[in-house]
Amino acid sequence: MSINFKPLADRVLIEPAPAEQTTASGLIIPDTAKEKPLKGTVIAAGSGKSDEPMTVKVGDTVLFGQYSGTEIKLEGKNYLIMREADIYGII
């Protein structure tokens, strides 16, 4: 997938994973009760700071905080843009 967007410095563009539709026991979760996904795929990454290179790269699946990042819409899809420091780890 190619997005015409290049994050600056230590920012990354993340496509959040879809929210869970059912529980482990098979109950359907209504839209009002769905939690914001806490993982996603890195779509684009900046070049990092001059003293700190980026550790995540395009294609990595990452975990991030529930209130991390800013939601943006590009080419009809929702994405999150956040600093690399807001990412907890790579899966």
C-alpha atoms as a PDB file:
ATOM      1  CA  MET A   1       0.000   0.000   0.000  1.00  0.00           C
ATOM      2  CA  SER A   2       1.401   3.390  -0.934  1.00  0.00           C
ATOM      3  CA  ILE A   3       0.248   6.532   0.843  1.00  0.00           C
ATOM      4  CA  ASN A   4       1.402   9.920  -0.374  1.00  0.00           C
ATOM      5  CA  PHE A   5       2.414  11.035   3.126  1.00  0.00           C
ATOM      6  CA  LYS A   6       5.860  11.341   4.711  1.00  0.00           C
ATOM      7  CA  PRO A   7       5.960  11.884   8.502  1.00  0.00           C
ATOM      8  CA  LEU A   8       8.607  14.285   9.789  1.00  0.00           C
ATOM      9  CA  ALA A   9      11.314  13.580  12.386  1.00  0.00           C
ATOM     10  CA  ASP A  10      10.278  10.814  14.827  1.00  0.00           C
ATOM     11  CA  ARG A  11       6.619  10.547  13.833  1.00  0.00           C
ATOM     12  CA  VAL A  12       4.947   7.444  12.403  1.00  0.00           C
ATOM     13  CA  LEU A  13       1.689   6.874  10.514  1.00  0.00           C
ATOM     14  CA  ILE A  14      -0.213   3.838  11.822  1.00  0.00           C
ATOM     15  CA  GLU A  15      -3.211   2.002  10.439  1.00  0.00           C
ATOM     16  CA  PRO A  16      -5.084   0.787  13.553  1.00  0.00           C
ATOM     17  CA  ALA A  17      -6.192  -2.830  13.667  1.00  0.00           C
ATOM     18  CA  PRO A  18      -9.967  -3.298  13.368  1.00  0.00           C
ATOM     19  CA  ALA A  19     -11.903  -3.368  16.658  1.00  0.00           C
ATOM     20  CA  GLU A  20     -12.995  -6.766  17.946  1.00  0.00           C
ATOM     21  CA  GLN A  21     -16.502  -7.709  16.771  1.00  0.00           C
ATOM     22  CA  THR A  22     -17.117 -10.574  19.226  1.00  0.00           C
ATOM     23  CA  THR A  23     -15.847 -11.730  22.622  1.00  0.00           C
ATOM     24  CA  ALA A  24     -13.908 -14.956  23.129  1.00  0.00           C
ATOM     25  CA  SER A  25     -17.165 -16.663  24.121  1.00  0.00           C
ATOM     26  CA  GLY A  26     -18.918 -15.501  20.934  1.00  0.00           C
ATOM     27  CA  LEU A  27     -20.972 -12.559  22.217  1.00  0.00           C
ATOM     28  CA  ILE A  28     -21.354  -9.727  19.709  1.00  0.00           C
ATOM     29  CA  ILE A  29     -19.952  -6.410  20.943  1.00  0.00           C
ATOM     30  CA  PRO A  30     -22.174  -3.399  20.108  1.00  0.00           C
ATOM     31  CA  ASP A  31     -20.549  -0.340  18.508  1.00  0.00           C
ATOM     32  CA  THR A  32     -21.036   1.727  21.676  1.00  0.00           C
ATOM     33  CA  ALA A  33     -19.036  -0.748  23.777  1.00  0.00           C
ATOM     34  CA  LYS A  34     -16.114  -1.338  21.419  1.00  0.00           C
ATOM     35  CA  GLU A  35     -12.735  -0.249  22.704  1.00  0.00           C
ATOM     36  CA  LYS A  36     -10.225   1.616  20.603  1.00  0.00           C
ATOM     37  CA  PRO A  37      -7.661  -0.835  19.157  1.00  0.00           C
ATOM     38  CA  LEU A  38      -4.254  -0.771  20.851  1.00  0.00           C
ATOM     39  CA  LYS A  39      -2.242  -2.200  17.976  1.00  0.00           C
ATOM     40  CA  GLY A  40      -1.699  -1.376  14.358  1.00  0.00           C
ATOM     41  CA  THR A  41       0.611  -1.499  11.366  1.00  0.00           C
ATOM     42  CA  VAL A  42       3.202   1.148  10.559  1.00  0.00           C
ATOM     43  CA  ILE A  43       2.346   2.599   7.135  1.00  0.00           C
ATOM     44  CA  ALA A  44       4.975   5.368   6.984  1.00  0.00           C
ATOM     45  CA  ALA A  45       7.825   6.492   9.251  1.00  0.00           C
ATOM     46  CA  GLY A  46       9.918   9.625   9.488  1.00  0.00           C
ATOM     47  CA  SER A  47      13.704   9.620   9.324  1.00  0.00           C
ATOM     48  CA  GLY A  48      14.157  10.069  13.078  1.00  0.00           C
ATOM     49  CA  LYS A  49      15.980  12.751  15.022  1.00  0.00           C
ATOM     50  CA  SER A  50      19.607  13.590  14.317  1.00  0.00           C
ATOM     51  CA  ASP A  51      20.739  11.907  17.553  1.00  0.00           C
ATOM     52  CA  GLU A  52      18.116   9.087  17.580  1.00  0.00           C
ATOM     53  CA  PRO A  53      17.466   6.927  14.492  1.00  0.00           C
ATOM     54  CA  MET A  54      14.058   5.299  14.097  1.00  0.00           C
ATOM     55  CA  THR A  55      13.646   1.767  15.457  1.00  0.00           C
ATOM     56  CA  VAL A  56      10.289   1.018  13.805  1.00  0.00           C
ATOM     57  CA  LYS A  57       9.964   0.539  10.076  1.00  0.00           C
ATOM     58  CA  VAL A  58       7.149   0.286   7.557  1.00  0.00           C
ATOM     59  CA  GLY A  59       5.236  -2.982   7.953  1.00  0.00           C
ATOM     60  CA  ASP A  60       5.913  -3.456  11.690  1.00  0.00           C
ATOM     61  CA  THR A  61       2.937  -4.334  13.901  1.00  0.00           C
ATOM     62  CA  VAL A  62       3.144  -2.196  17.022  1.00  0.00           C
ATOM     63  CA  LEU A  63       1.391  -1.708  20.371  1.00  0.00           C
ATOM     64  CA  PHE A  64       0.540   1.799  21.569  1.00  0.00           C
ATOM     65  CA  GLY A  65      -1.392   3.515  24.360  1.00  0.00           C
ATOM     66  CA  GLN A  66      -5.164   3.902  24.316  1.00  0.00           C
ATOM     67  CA  TYR A  67      -4.989   7.701  24.036  1.00  0.00           C
ATOM     68  CA  SER A  68      -1.827   7.905  21.917  1.00  0.00           C
ATOM     69  CA  GLY A  69      -1.677   9.724  18.634  1.00  0.00           C
ATOM     70  CA  THR A  70      -3.933  11.964  16.619  1.00  0.00           C
ATOM     71  CA  GLU A  71      -6.575  10.550  14.305  1.00  0.00           C
ATOM     72  CA  ILE A  72      -6.347  11.721  10.698  1.00  0.00           C
ATOM     73  CA  LYS A  73      -8.127  10.718   7.498  1.00  0.00           C
ATOM     74  CA  LEU A  74      -6.093  10.158   4.328  1.00  0.00           C
ATOM     75  CA  GLU A  75      -7.505   8.899   1.046  1.00  0.00           C
ATOM     76  CA  GLY A  76     -10.754   7.891   2.761  1.00  0.00           C
ATOM     77  CA  LYS A  77      -9.159   5.773   5.524  1.00  0.00           C
ATOM     78  CA  ASN A  78      -8.565   6.540   9.201  1.00  0.00           C
ATOM     79  CA  TYR A  79      -5.003   6.540  10.512  1.00  0.00           C
ATOM     80  CA  LEU A  80      -3.138   7.573  13.646  1.00  0.00           C
ATOM     81  CA  ILE A  81      -0.062   9.758  13.629  1.00  0.00           C
ATOM     82  CA  MET A  82       2.143   9.672  16.722  1.00  0.00           C
ATOM     83  CA  ARG A  83       5.693  10.021  17.936  1.00  0.00           C
ATOM     84  CA  GLU A  84       7.811   6.896  18.086  1.00  0.00           C
ATOM     85  CA  ALA A  85       8.089   7.390  21.883  1.00  0.00           C
ATOM     86  CA  ASP A  86       4.304   6.727  22.159  1.00  0.00           C
ATOM     87  CA  ILE A  87       4.815   3.206  20.790  1.00  0.00           C
ATOM     88  CA  TYR A  88       5.261   0.565  23.502  1.00  0.00           C
ATOM     89  CA  GLY A  89       6.773  -2.167  21.360  1.00  0.00           C
ATOM     90  CA  ILE A  90       6.873  -4.214  18.170  1.00  0.00           C
ATOM     91  CA  ILE A  91       4.942  -7.494  17.963  1.00  0.00           C
END
